[in-house]
Amino acid sequence: MSYDIQYMIQKKNIKSKAIKLEAKEGRKIVGRAFLYLIKNDLHKERYGLLEDVFVEEAYRKNGLGAQLVEGIIKEARRQKCYKLLATSRMERSNIHKYYEKFGFKKHGFEFRMELK
């Protein structure tokens, strides 16, 4: 059976954006995290995607990463997201445990295709 598949580019009612949280020491950025706010047709509210959490190696193990993740969770709530997703590679079990400390739960699998 063949279906007529059409691409539809929505030019209105798109309410997706990204919020970057930065940690600085003086003028130097020593950590960051992104919250992507995504809207689809399934829910009235947006959902959040926690992405690219990074702390410079010299600044790790002192709670800075936790401050960034907690800041993203707080912002996702402020933005009225109905859920917040965080992804991590399968082999990084230490990061999985880290996210679980904040209340994230393993929910499914991420399927990925590299396009470049």
PDB file of N, CA and C in Angstrom:
ATOM      1  N   MET A   1       0.842  -1.180   0.000  1.00  0.00           N
ATOM      2  CA  MET A   1       0.000   0.000   0.000  1.00  0.00           C
ATOM      3  C   MET A   1       0.888   1.244   0.000  1.00  0.00           C
ATOM      4  N   SER A   2       0.505   2.217  -0.761  1.00  0.00           N
ATOM      5  CA  SER A   2       1.255   3.456  -0.860  1.00  0.00           C
ATOM      6  C   SER A   2       0.418   4.601  -0.289  1.00  0.00           C
ATOM      7  N   TYR A   3       1.061   5.468   0.459  1.00  0.00           N
ATOM      8  CA  TYR A   3       0.385   6.610   1.062  1.00  0.00           C
ATOM      9  C   TYR A   3       0.943   7.898   0.491  1.00  0.00           C
ATOM     10  N   ASP A   4       0.124   8.899   0.474  1.00  0.00           N
ATOM     11  CA  ASP A   4       0.538  10.225   0.044  1.00  0.00           C
ATOM     12  C   ASP A   4       1.084  10.952   1.279  1.00  0.00           C
ATOM     13  N   ILE A   5       2.392  11.077   1.384  1.00  0.00           N
ATOM     14  CA  ILE A   5       3.042  11.738   2.512  1.00  0.00           C
ATOM     15  C   ILE A   5       3.383  13.159   2.094  1.00  0.00           C
ATOM     16  N   GLN A   6       2.979  14.119   2.902  1.00  0.00           N
ATOM     17  CA  GLN A   6       3.231  15.517   2.577  1.00  0.00           C
ATOM     18  C   GLN A   6       3.990  16.188   3.710  1.00  0.00           C
ATOM     19  N   TYR A   7       4.987  16.965   3.342  1.00  0.00           N
ATOM     20  CA  TYR A   7       5.700  17.789   4.310  1.00  0.00           C
ATOM     21  C   TYR A   7       4.929  19.074   4.496  1.00  0.00           C
ATOM     22  N   MET A   8       4.670  19.409   5.729  1.00  0.00           N
ATOM     23  CA  MET A   8       3.946  20.646   6.031  1.00  0.00           C
ATOM     24  C   MET A   8       4.808  21.489   6.955  1.00  0.00           C
ATOM     25  N   ILE A   9       5.266  22.603   6.468  1.00  0.00           N
ATOM     26  CA  ILE A   9       6.070  23.503   7.289  1.00  0.00           C
ATOM     27  C   ILE A   9       5.128  24.491   7.952  1.00  0.00           C
ATOM     28  N   GLN A  10       5.081  24.419   9.279  1.00  0.00           N
ATOM     29  CA  GLN A  10       4.215  25.324  10.023  1.00  0.00           C
ATOM     30  C   GLN A  10       4.949  26.632  10.252  1.00  0.00           C
ATOM     31  N   LYS A  11       4.368  27.708   9.810  1.00  0.00           N
ATOM     32  CA  LYS A  11       4.993  29.017   9.965  1.00  0.00           C
ATOM     33  C   LYS A  11       4.383  29.812  11.102  1.00  0.00           C
ATOM     34  N   LYS A  12       3.329  29.310  11.680  1.00  0.00           N
ATOM     35  CA  LYS A  12       2.719  30.018  12.796  1.00  0.00           C
ATOM     36  C   LYS A  12       2.445  29.016  13.911  1.00  0.00           C
ATOM     37  N   ASN A  13       2.198  29.514  15.060  1.00  0.00           N
ATOM     38  CA  ASN A  13       1.906  28.716  16.247  1.00  0.00           C
ATOM     39  C   ASN A  13       3.056  27.799  16.663  1.00  0.00           C
ATOM     40  N   ILE A  14       4.256  28.098  16.227  1.00  0.00           N
ATOM     41  CA  ILE A  14       5.430  27.356  16.677  1.00  0.00           C
ATOM     42  C   ILE A  14       5.987  28.109  17.874  1.00  0.00           C
ATOM     43  N   LYS A  15       6.038  27.431  18.990  1.00  0.00           N
ATOM     44  CA  LYS A  15       6.510  28.092  20.201  1.00  0.00           C
ATOM     45  C   LYS A  15       7.619  27.270  20.832  1.00  0.00           C
ATOM     46  N   SER A  16       8.662  27.059  20.087  1.00  0.00           N
ATOM     47  CA  SER A  16       9.823  26.331  20.573  1.00  0.00           C
ATOM     48  C   SER A  16      10.986  27.303  20.689  1.00  0.00           C
ATOM     49  N   LYS A  17      11.784  27.119  21.729  1.00  0.00           N
ATOM     50  CA  LYS A  17      12.953  27.968  21.905  1.00  0.00           C
ATOM     51  C   LYS A  17      13.945  27.260  22.814  1.00  0.00           C
ATOM     52  N   ALA A  18      15.120  27.844  22.918  1.00  0.00           N
ATOM     53  CA  ALA A  18      16.157  27.300  23.784  1.00  0.00           C
ATOM     54  C   ALA A  18      16.556  28.345  24.811  1.00  0.00           C
ATOM     55  N   ILE A  19      16.853  27.878  26.003  1.00  0.00           N
ATOM     56  CA  ILE A  19      17.345  28.738  27.071  1.00  0.00           C
ATOM     57  C   ILE A  19      18.694  28.176  27.500  1.00  0.00           C
ATOM     58  N   LYS A  20      19.706  29.015  27.521  1.00  0.00           N
ATOM     59  CA  LYS A  20      21.045  28.599  27.926  1.00  0.00           C
ATOM     60  C   LYS A  20      21.319  29.113  29.331  1.00  0.00           C
ATOM     61  N   LEU A  21      21.764  28.215  30.178  1.00  0.00           N
ATOM     62  CA  LEU A  21      22.164  28.564  31.532  1.00  0.00           C
ATOM     63  C   LEU A  21      23.683  28.483  31.581  1.00  0.00           C
ATOM     64  N   GLU A  22      24.341  29.571  32.009  1.00  0.00           N
ATOM     65  CA  GLU A  22      25.793  29.599  32.072  1.00  0.00           C
ATOM     66  C   GLU A  22      26.265  29.819  33.497  1.00  0.00           C
ATOM     67  N   ALA A  23      27.380  29.182  33.824  1.00  0.00           N
ATOM     68  CA  ALA A  23      28.071  29.426  35.087  1.00  0.00           C
ATOM     69  C   ALA A  23      29.379  30.119  34.747  1.00  0.00           C
ATOM     70  N   LYS A  24      29.647  31.244  35.406  1.00  0.00           N
ATOM     71  CA  LYS A  24      30.852  32.009  35.105  1.00  0.00           C
ATOM     72  C   LYS A  24      31.685  32.206  36.364  1.00  0.00           C
ATOM     73  N   GLU A  25      32.970  32.267  36.138  1.00  0.00           N
ATOM     74  CA  GLU A  25      33.897  32.726  37.156  1.00  0.00           C
ATOM     75  C   GLU A  25      34.563  33.946  36.539  1.00  0.00           C
ATOM     76  N   GLY A  26      34.183  35.101  37.033  1.00  0.00           N
ATOM     77  CA  GLY A  26      34.605  36.327  36.363  1.00  0.00           C
ATOM     78  C   GLY A  26      33.956  36.375  34.995  1.00  0.00           C
ATOM     79  N   ARG A  27      34.759  36.515  33.976  1.00  0.00           N
ATOM     80  CA  ARG A  27      34.245  36.532  32.597  1.00  0.00           C
ATOM     81  C   ARG A  27      34.318  35.164  31.928  1.00  0.00           C
ATOM     82  N   LYS A  28      34.957  34.207  32.591  1.00  0.00           N
ATOM     83  CA  LYS A  28      35.154  32.882  32.004  1.00  0.00           C
ATOM     84  C   LYS A  28      33.930  32.001  32.234  1.00  0.00           C
ATOM     85  N   ILE A  29      33.414  31.414  31.155  1.00  0.00           N
ATOM     86  CA  ILE A  29      32.310  30.461  31.256  1.00  0.00           C
ATOM     87  C   ILE A  29      32.912  29.123  31.662  1.00  0.00           C
ATOM     88  N   VAL A  30      32.480  28.601  32.818  1.00  0.00           N
ATOM     89  CA  VAL A  30      33.041  27.355  33.341  1.00  0.00           C
ATOM     90  C   VAL A  30      32.033  26.205  33.300  1.00  0.00           C
ATOM     91  N   GLY A  31      30.781  26.509  32.958  1.00  0.00           N
ATOM     92  CA  GLY A  31      29.761  25.474  32.857  1.00  0.00           C
ATOM     93  C   GLY A  31      28.561  25.995  32.086  1.00  0.00           C
ATOM     94  N   ARG A  32      27.771  25.047  31.575  1.00  0.00           N
ATOM     95  CA  ARG A  32      26.581  25.434  30.817  1.00  0.00           C
ATOM     96  C   ARG A  32      25.597  24.278  30.779  1.00  0.00           C
ATOM     97  N   ALA A  33      24.362  24.613  30.482  1.00  0.00           N
ATOM     98  CA  ALA A  33      23.312  23.627  30.229  1.00  0.00           C
ATOM     99  C   ALA A  33      22.254  24.318  29.384  1.00  0.00           C
ATOM    100  N   PHE A  34      21.589  23.545  28.543  1.00  0.00           N
ATOM    101  CA  PHE A  34      20.531  24.087  27.693  1.00  0.00           C
ATOM    102  C   PHE A  34      19.196  23.444  28.037  1.00  0.00           C
ATOM    103  N   LEU A  35      18.164  24.245  27.977  1.00  0.00           N
ATOM    104  CA  LEU A  35      16.788  23.775  28.072  1.00  0.00           C
ATOM    105  C   LEU A  35      16.122  24.110  26.746  1.00  0.00           C
ATOM    106  N   TYR A  36      15.750  23.086  26.005  1.00  0.00           N
ATOM    107  CA  TYR A  36      15.015  23.280  24.764  1.00  0.00           C
ATOM    108  C   TYR A  36      13.538  23.097  25.073  1.00  0.00           C
ATOM    109  N   LEU A  37      12.752  24.066  24.703  1.00  0.00           N
ATOM    110  CA  LEU A  37      11.306  24.033  24.919  1.00  0.00           C
ATOM    111  C   LEU A  37      10.649  23.677  23.605  1.00  0.00           C
ATOM    112  N   ILE A  38       9.903  22.580  23.613  1.00  0.00           N
ATOM    113  CA  ILE A  38       9.375  22.009  22.374  1.00  0.00           C
ATOM    114  C   ILE A  38       7.860  21.862  22.472  1.00  0.00           C
ATOM    115  N   LYS A  39       7.172  22.282  21.445  1.00  0.00           N
ATOM    116  CA  LYS A  39       5.711  22.191  21.383  1.00  0.00           C
ATOM    117  C   LYS A  39       5.336  21.275  20.235  1.00  0.00           C
ATOM    118  N   ASN A  40       4.394  20.388  20.503  1.00  0.00           N
ATOM    119  CA  ASN A  40       3.859  19.567  19.425  1.00  0.00           C
ATOM    120  C   ASN A  40       2.334  19.565  19.513  1.00  0.00           C
ATOM    121  N   ASP A  41       1.681  18.849  18.634  1.00  0.00           N
ATOM    122  CA  ASP A  41       0.216  18.862  18.586  1.00  0.00           C
ATOM    123  C   ASP A  41      -0.441  17.926  19.604  1.00  0.00           C
ATOM    124  N   LEU A  42       0.342  17.139  20.326  1.00  0.00           N
ATOM    125  CA  LEU A  42      -0.233  16.158  21.245  1.00  0.00           C
ATOM    126  C   LEU A  42      -0.640  16.745  22.596  1.00  0.00           C
ATOM    127  N   HIS A  43      -0.023  17.843  22.990  1.00  0.00           N
ATOM    128  CA  HIS A  43      -0.286  18.435  24.302  1.00  0.00           C
ATOM    129  C   HIS A  43      -0.436  19.944  24.179  1.00  0.00           C
ATOM    130  N   LYS A  44      -1.168  20.524  25.103  1.00  0.00           N
ATOM    131  CA  LYS A  44      -1.301  21.980  25.130  1.00  0.00           C
ATOM    132  C   LYS A  44      -0.011  22.640  25.599  1.00  0.00           C
ATOM    133  N   GLU A  45       0.680  21.973  26.534  1.00  0.00           N
ATOM    134  CA  GLU A  45       1.897  22.531  27.092  1.00  0.00           C
ATOM    135  C   GLU A  45       3.123  22.066  26.302  1.00  0.00           C
ATOM    136  N   ARG A  46       4.194  22.811  26.451  1.00  0.00           N
ATOM    137  CA  ARG A  46       5.468  22.408  25.868  1.00  0.00           C
ATOM    138  C   ARG A  46       6.132  21.378  26.777  1.00  0.00           C
ATOM    139  N   TYR A  47       7.105  20.676  26.235  1.00  0.00           N
ATOM    140  CA  TYR A  47       7.961  19.851  27.076  1.00  0.00           C
ATOM    141  C   TYR A  47       9.386  20.366  26.952  1.00  0.00           C
ATOM    142  N   GLY A  48      10.213  19.965  27.901  1.00  0.00           N
ATOM    143  CA  GLY A  48      11.586  20.429  27.927  1.00  0.00           C
ATOM    144  C   GLY A  48      12.564  19.304  27.647  1.00  0.00           C
ATOM    145  N   LEU A  49      13.672  19.667  27.045  1.00  0.00           N
ATOM    146  CA  LEU A  49      14.771  18.741  26.810  1.00  0.00           C
ATOM    147  C   LEU A  49      16.024  19.351  27.426  1.00  0.00           C
ATOM    148  N   LEU A  50      16.560  18.689  28.439  1.00  0.00           N
ATOM    149  CA  LEU A  50      17.822  19.081  29.051  1.00  0.00           C
ATOM    150  C   LEU A  50      18.936  18.559  28.166  1.00  0.00           C
ATOM    151  N   GLU A  51      19.832  19.437  27.748  1.00  0.00           N
ATOM    152  CA  GLU A  51      20.842  19.048  26.776  1.00  0.00           C
ATOM    153  C   GLU A  51      22.153  19.764  27.065  1.00  0.00           C
ATOM    154  N   ASP A  52      23.238  19.117  26.700  1.00  0.00           N
ATOM    155  CA  ASP A  52      24.563  19.721  26.688  1.00  0.00           C
ATOM    156  C   ASP A  52      24.976  20.282  28.049  1.00  0.00           C
ATOM    157  N   VAL A  53      24.788  19.488  29.100  1.00  0.00           N
ATOM    158  CA  VAL A  53      25.279  19.881  30.418  1.00  0.00           C
ATOM    159  C   VAL A  53      26.783  19.664  30.410  1.00  0.00           C
ATOM    160  N   PHE A  54      27.535  20.713  30.720  1.00  0.00           N
ATOM    161  CA  PHE A  54      28.987  20.620  30.688  1.00  0.00           C
ATOM    162  C   PHE A  54      29.593  21.521  31.752  1.00  0.00           C
ATOM    163  N   VAL A  55      30.589  20.975  32.458  1.00  0.00           N
ATOM    164  CA  VAL A  55      31.368  21.735  33.433  1.00  0.00           C
ATOM    165  C   VAL A  55      32.837  21.509  33.106  1.00  0.00           C
ATOM    166  N   GLU A  56      33.599  22.598  33.031  1.00  0.00           N
ATOM    167  CA  GLU A  56      35.040  22.488  32.803  1.00  0.00           C
ATOM    168  C   GLU A  56      35.638  21.558  33.853  1.00  0.00           C
ATOM    169  N   GLU A  57      36.591  20.747  33.434  1.00  0.00           N
ATOM    170  CA  GLU A  57      37.147  19.708  34.300  1.00  0.00           C
ATOM    171  C   GLU A  57      37.655  20.258  35.637  1.00  0.00           C
ATOM    172  N   ALA A  58      38.298  21.390  35.627  1.00  0.00           N
ATOM    173  CA  ALA A  58      38.847  21.967  36.868  1.00  0.00           C
ATOM    174  C   ALA A  58      37.754  22.400  37.852  1.00  0.00           C
ATOM    175  N   TYR A  59      36.507  22.490  37.396  1.00  0.00           N
ATOM    176  CA  TYR A  59      35.407  22.964  38.230  1.00  0.00           C
ATOM    177  C   TYR A  59      34.443  21.850  38.618  1.00  0.00           C
ATOM    178  N   ARG A  60      34.777  20.628  38.291  1.00  0.00           N
ATOM    179  CA  ARG A  60      33.908  19.491  38.589  1.00  0.00           C
ATOM    180  C   ARG A  60      34.060  19.050  40.042  1.00  0.00           C
ATOM    181  N   LYS A  61      33.075  18.303  40.504  1.00  0.00           N
ATOM    182  CA  LYS A  61      33.064  17.691  41.844  1.00  0.00           C
ATOM    183  C   LYS A  61      32.868  18.707  42.968  1.00  0.00           C
ATOM    184  N   ASN A  62      32.307  19.879  42.643  1.00  0.00           N
ATOM    185  CA  ASN A  62      32.034  20.860  43.692  1.00  0.00           C
ATOM    186  C   ASN A  62      30.596  21.374  43.657  1.00  0.00           C
ATOM    187  N   GLY A  63      29.717  20.665  42.943  1.00  0.00           N
ATOM    188  CA  GLY A  63      28.308  21.018  42.944  1.00  0.00           C
ATOM    189  C   GLY A  63      27.850  21.928  41.825  1.00  0.00           C
ATOM    190  N   LEU A  64      28.759  22.347  40.973  1.00  0.00           N
ATOM    191  CA  LEU A  64      28.374  23.255  39.889  1.00  0.00           C
ATOM    192  C   LEU A  64      27.416  22.583  38.908  1.00  0.00           C
ATOM    193  N   GLY A  65      27.690  21.329  38.550  1.00  0.00           N
ATOM    194  CA  GLY A  65      26.793  20.605  37.646  1.00  0.00           C
ATOM    195  C   GLY A  65      25.399  20.479  38.232  1.00  0.00           C
ATOM    196  N   ALA A  66      25.333  20.198  39.533  1.00  0.00           N
ATOM    197  CA  ALA A  66      24.033  20.094  40.209  1.00  0.00           C
ATOM    198  C   ALA A  66      23.290  21.422  40.152  1.00  0.00           C
ATOM    199  N   GLN A  67      24.000  22.516  40.338  1.00  0.00           N
ATOM    200  CA  GLN A  67      23.351  23.830  40.246  1.00  0.00           C
ATOM    201  C   GLN A  67      22.783  24.069  38.858  1.00  0.00           C
ATOM    202  N   LEU A  68      23.515  23.651  37.844  1.00  0.00           N
ATOM    203  CA  LEU A  68      23.029  23.814  36.469  1.00  0.00           C
ATOM    204  C   LEU A  68      21.793  22.960  36.212  1.00  0.00           C
ATOM    205  N   VAL A  69      21.838  21.695  36.607  1.00  0.00           N
ATOM    206  CA  VAL A  69      20.682  20.807  36.394  1.00  0.00           C
ATOM    207  C   VAL A  69      19.483  21.313  37.190  1.00  0.00           C
ATOM    208  N   GLU A  70      19.694  21.688  38.440  1.00  0.00           N
ATOM    209  CA  GLU A  70      18.591  22.221  39.252  1.00  0.00           C
ATOM    210  C   GLU A  70      18.034  23.505  38.655  1.00  0.00           C
ATOM    211  N   GLY A  71      18.906  24.330  38.086  1.00  0.00           N
ATOM    212  CA  GLY A  71      18.450  25.553  37.423  1.00  0.00           C
ATOM    213  C   GLY A  71      17.586  25.251  36.209  1.00  0.00           C
ATOM    214  N   ILE A  72      17.958  24.241  35.443  1.00  0.00           N
ATOM    215  CA  ILE A  72      17.163  23.850  34.274  1.00  0.00           C
ATOM    216  C   ILE A  72      15.816  23.290  34.716  1.00  0.00           C
ATOM    217  N   ILE A  73      15.800  22.463  35.758  1.00  0.00           N
ATOM    218  CA  ILE A  73      14.536  21.913  36.271  1.00  0.00           C
ATOM    219  C   ILE A  73      13.627  23.052  36.733  1.00  0.00           C
ATOM    220  N   LYS A  74      14.188  23.988  37.459  1.00  0.00           N
ATOM    221  CA  LYS A  74      13.411  25.146  37.941  1.00  0.00           C
ATOM    222  C   LYS A  74      12.837  25.947  36.764  1.00  0.00           C
ATOM    223  N   GLU A  75      13.666  26.164  35.754  1.00  0.00           N
ATOM    224  CA  GLU A  75      13.206  26.926  34.586  1.00  0.00           C
ATOM    225  C   GLU A  75      12.139  26.161  33.812  1.00  0.00           C
ATOM    226  N   ALA A  76      12.289  24.844  33.682  1.00  0.00           N
ATOM    227  CA  ALA A  76      11.276  24.035  32.992  1.00  0.00           C
ATOM    228  C   ALA A  76       9.932  24.141  33.721  1.00  0.00           C
ATOM    229  N   ARG A  77       9.973  24.134  35.038  1.00  0.00           N
ATOM    230  CA  ARG A  77       8.733  24.313  35.812  1.00  0.00           C
ATOM    231  C   ARG A  77       8.163  25.716  35.597  1.00  0.00           C
ATOM    232  N   ARG A  78       9.038  26.719  35.616  1.00  0.00           N
ATOM    233  CA  ARG A  78       8.594  28.096  35.409  1.00  0.00           C
ATOM    234  C   ARG A  78       7.957  28.268  34.029  1.00  0.00           C
ATOM    235  N   GLN A  79       8.478  27.533  33.047  1.00  0.00           N
ATOM    236  CA  GLN A  79       7.952  27.575  31.684  1.00  0.00           C
ATOM    237  C   GLN A  79       6.712  26.697  31.513  1.00  0.00           C
ATOM    238  N   LYS A  80       6.293  26.038  32.609  1.00  0.00           N
ATOM    239  CA  LYS A  80       5.101  25.188  32.632  1.00  0.00           C
ATOM    240  C   LYS A  80       5.210  23.981  31.691  1.00  0.00           C
ATOM    241  N   CYS A  81       6.406  23.410  31.605  1.00  0.00           N
ATOM    242  CA  CYS A  81       6.594  22.188  30.825  1.00  0.00           C
ATOM    243  C   CYS A  81       5.855  21.044  31.509  1.00  0.00           C
ATOM    244  N   TYR A  82       5.251  20.169  30.740  1.00  0.00           N
ATOM    245  CA  TYR A  82       4.562  19.029  31.335  1.00  0.00           C
ATOM    246  C   TYR A  82       5.515  17.877  31.609  1.00  0.00           C
ATOM    247  N   LYS A  83       6.703  17.892  30.979  1.00  0.00           N
ATOM    248  CA  LYS A  83       7.721  16.887  31.267  1.00  0.00           C
ATOM    249  C   LYS A  83       9.076  17.465  30.891  1.00  0.00           C
ATOM    250  N   LEU A  84      10.112  16.872  31.453  1.00  0.00           N
ATOM    251  CA  LEU A  84      11.487  17.253  31.141  1.00  0.00           C
ATOM    252  C   LEU A  84      12.251  15.983  30.813  1.00  0.00           C
ATOM    253  N   LEU A  85      12.881  15.959  29.661  1.00  0.00           N
ATOM    254  CA  LEU A  85      13.667  14.805  29.214  1.00  0.00           C
ATOM    255  C   LEU A  85      15.154  15.099  29.354  1.00  0.00           C
ATOM    256  N   ALA A  86      15.904  14.074  29.680  1.00  0.00           N
ATOM    257  CA  ALA A  86      17.364  14.147  29.671  1.00  0.00           C
ATOM    258  C   ALA A  86      17.859  12.861  29.024  1.00  0.00           C
ATOM    259  N   THR A  87      18.833  12.960  28.176  1.00  0.00           N
ATOM    260  CA  THR A  87      19.372  11.771  27.525  1.00  0.00           C
ATOM    261  C   THR A  87      20.831  11.601  27.912  1.00  0.00           C
ATOM    262  N   SER A  88      21.293  10.371  27.821  1.00  0.00           N
ATOM    263  CA  SER A  88      22.675  10.052  28.126  1.00  0.00           C
ATOM    264  C   SER A  88      23.028   8.765  27.386  1.00  0.00           C
ATOM    265  N   ARG A  89      24.269   8.661  26.972  1.00  0.00           N
ATOM    266  CA  ARG A  89      24.693   7.441  26.287  1.00  0.00           C
ATOM    267  C   ARG A  89      24.581   6.239  27.222  1.00  0.00           C
ATOM    268  N   MET A  90      24.325   5.073  26.654  1.00  0.00           N
ATOM    269  CA  MET A  90      24.094   3.843  27.420  1.00  0.00           C
ATOM    270  C   MET A  90      25.245   3.513  28.364  1.00  0.00           C
ATOM    271  N   GLU A  91      26.472   3.736  27.937  1.00  0.00           N
ATOM    272  CA  GLU A  91      27.616   3.324  28.737  1.00  0.00           C
ATOM    273  C   GLU A  91      27.929   4.255  29.906  1.00  0.00           C
ATOM    274  N   ARG A  92      27.214   5.350  30.053  1.00  0.00           N
ATOM    275  CA  ARG A  92      27.512   6.335  31.097  1.00  0.00           C
ATOM    276  C   ARG A  92      26.619   6.146  32.321  1.00  0.00           C
ATOM    277  N   SER A  93      26.731   4.985  32.943  1.00  0.00           N
ATOM    278  CA  SER A  93      25.865   4.658  34.083  1.00  0.00           C
ATOM    279  C   SER A  93      26.044   5.624  35.244  1.00  0.00           C
ATOM    280  N   ASN A  94      27.227   6.213  35.390  1.00  0.00           N
ATOM    281  CA  ASN A  94      27.424   7.195  36.459  1.00  0.00           C
ATOM    282  C   ASN A  94      26.551   8.436  36.234  1.00  0.00           C
ATOM    283  N   ILE A  95      26.372   8.823  34.982  1.00  0.00           N
ATOM    284  CA  ILE A  95      25.508   9.970  34.665  1.00  0.00           C
ATOM    285  C   ILE A  95      24.044   9.586  34.872  1.00  0.00           C
ATOM    286  N   HIS A  96      23.680   8.351  34.570  1.00  0.00           N
ATOM    287  CA  HIS A  96      22.307   7.894  34.791  1.00  0.00           C
ATOM    288  C   HIS A  96      21.976   8.002  36.270  1.00  0.00           C
ATOM    289  N   LYS A  97      22.857   7.544  37.130  1.00  0.00           N
ATOM    290  CA  LYS A  97      22.647   7.636  38.584  1.00  0.00           C
ATOM    291  C   LYS A  97      22.575   9.093  39.026  1.00  0.00           C
ATOM    292  N   TYR A  98      23.396   9.927  38.416  1.00  0.00           N
ATOM    293  CA  TYR A  98      23.409  11.353  38.721  1.00  0.00           C
ATOM    294  C   TYR A  98      22.039  11.975  38.428  1.00  0.00           C
ATOM    295  N   TYR A  99      21.499  11.710  37.244  1.00  0.00           N
ATOM    296  CA  TYR A  99      20.186  12.251  36.891  1.00  0.00           C
ATOM    297  C   TYR A  99      19.084  11.699  37.794  1.00  0.00           C
ATOM    298  N   GLU A 100      19.200  10.448  38.175  1.00  0.00           N
ATOM    299  CA  GLU A 100      18.191   9.851  39.062  1.00  0.00           C
ATOM    300  C   GLU A 100      18.142  10.564  40.408  1.00  0.00           C
ATOM    301  N   LYS A 101      19.256  11.112  40.876  1.00  0.00           N
ATOM    302  CA  LYS A 101      19.291  11.868  42.137  1.00  0.00           C
ATOM    303  C   LYS A 101      18.387  13.098  42.080  1.00  0.00           C
ATOM    304  N   PHE A 102      18.158  13.612  40.884  1.00  0.00           N
ATOM    305  CA  PHE A 102      17.311  14.787  40.706  1.00  0.00           C
ATOM    306  C   PHE A 102      15.842  14.431  40.497  1.00  0.00           C
ATOM    307  N   GLY A 103      15.542  13.127  40.387  1.00  0.00           N
ATOM    308  CA  GLY A 103      14.168  12.692  40.186  1.00  0.00           C
ATOM    309  C   GLY A 103      13.864  12.174  38.795  1.00  0.00           C
ATOM    310  N   PHE A 104      14.844  12.193  37.891  1.00  0.00           N
ATOM    311  CA  PHE A 104      14.629  11.607  36.568  1.00  0.00           C
ATOM    312  C   PHE A 104      14.516  10.092  36.718  1.00  0.00           C
ATOM    313  N   LYS A 105      13.687   9.489  35.887  1.00  0.00           N
ATOM    314  CA  LYS A 105      13.516   8.039  35.897  1.00  0.00           C
ATOM    315  C   LYS A 105      13.788   7.493  34.499  1.00  0.00           C
ATOM    316  N   LYS A 106      14.388   6.311  34.450  1.00  0.00           N
ATOM    317  CA  LYS A 106      14.588   5.672  33.153  1.00  0.00           C
ATOM    318  C   LYS A 106      13.216   5.361  32.582  1.00  0.00           C
ATOM    319  N   HIS A 107      12.997   5.777  31.354  1.00  0.00           N
ATOM    320  CA  HIS A 107      11.652   5.687  30.789  1.00  0.00           C
ATOM    321  C   HIS A 107      11.605   4.883  29.496  1.00  0.00           C
ATOM    322  N   GLY A 108      12.673   4.864  28.752  1.00  0.00           N
ATOM    323  CA  GLY A 108      12.651   4.180  27.465  1.00  0.00           C
ATOM    324  C   GLY A 108      14.030   4.200  26.850  1.00  0.00           C
ATOM    325  N   PHE A 109      14.083   4.030  25.581  1.00  0.00           N
ATOM    326  CA  PHE A 109      15.334   4.044  24.845  1.00  0.00           C
ATOM    327  C   PHE A 109      15.350   5.230  23.897  1.00  0.00           C
ATOM    328  N   GLU A 110      16.519   5.709  23.638  1.00  0.00           N
ATOM    329  CA  GLU A 110      16.695   6.724  22.611  1.00  0.00           C
ATOM    330  C   GLU A 110      17.226   5.996  21.375  1.00  0.00           C
ATOM    331  N   PHE A 111      16.578   6.174  20.259  1.00  0.00           N
ATOM    332  CA  PHE A 111      17.064   5.627  19.005  1.00  0.00           C
ATOM    333  C   PHE A 111      17.660   6.775  18.214  1.00  0.00           C
ATOM    334  N   ARG A 112      18.814   6.536  17.665  1.00  0.00           N
ATOM    335  CA  ARG A 112      19.550   7.630  17.055  1.00  0.00           C
ATOM    336  C   ARG A 112      20.113   7.201  15.713  1.00  0.00           C
ATOM    337  N   MET A 113      20.125   8.135  14.788  1.00  0.00           N
ATOM    338  CA  MET A 113      20.740   7.933  13.481  1.00  0.00           C
ATOM    339  C   MET A 113      21.662   9.119  13.226  1.00  0.00           C
ATOM    340  N   GLU A 114      22.917   8.835  12.989  1.00  0.00           N
ATOM    341  CA  GLU A 114      23.864   9.899  12.660  1.00  0.00           C
ATOM    342  C   GLU A 114      23.646  10.304  11.208  1.00  0.00           C
ATOM    343  N   LEU A 115      23.406  11.574  10.962  1.00  0.00           N
ATOM    344  CA  LEU A 115      23.148  12.056   9.603  1.00  0.00           C
ATOM    345  C   LEU A 115      24.362  12.739   8.985  1.00  0.00           C
ATOM    346  N   LYS A 116      25.372  12.988   9.783  1.00  0.00           N
ATOM    347  CA  LYS A 116      26.617  13.590   9.267  1.00  0.00           C
ATOM    348  C   LYS A 116      27.788  12.779   9.744  1.00  0.00           C
TER     349      LYS A 116
END
